[in-house]
């Protein structure tokens, strides 16, 4: 390798190391925020899901909603909604 390539390689490695350190710091900050949320009685898993949803593109959101609709249809077909209020009401109507 030439000296120019060596300095370029060194620069690339240094920049990636810096970004990795920043990523770790941000991860630590997010962890602190989630701990704060938990200590205030919030459901951290739900917050993470909301964050993920809020970061979706319109196309990703449309695909997720289509998937959720299909999943609900399949669950209904398999009788897997009986333990929910809507499922219980449907079961009661069917029995009556």
Foldseek 3Di string as FASTA:
>chain_A
DDPVVVVVVVVVVVVVVVVVVVVVVVVVVVVVVLVVCVVVPHDSVVVVVVVVQVPDDPVRNVVVVVVVVVVVVVCVVVLNCCVPPVNVVVVVVVVD
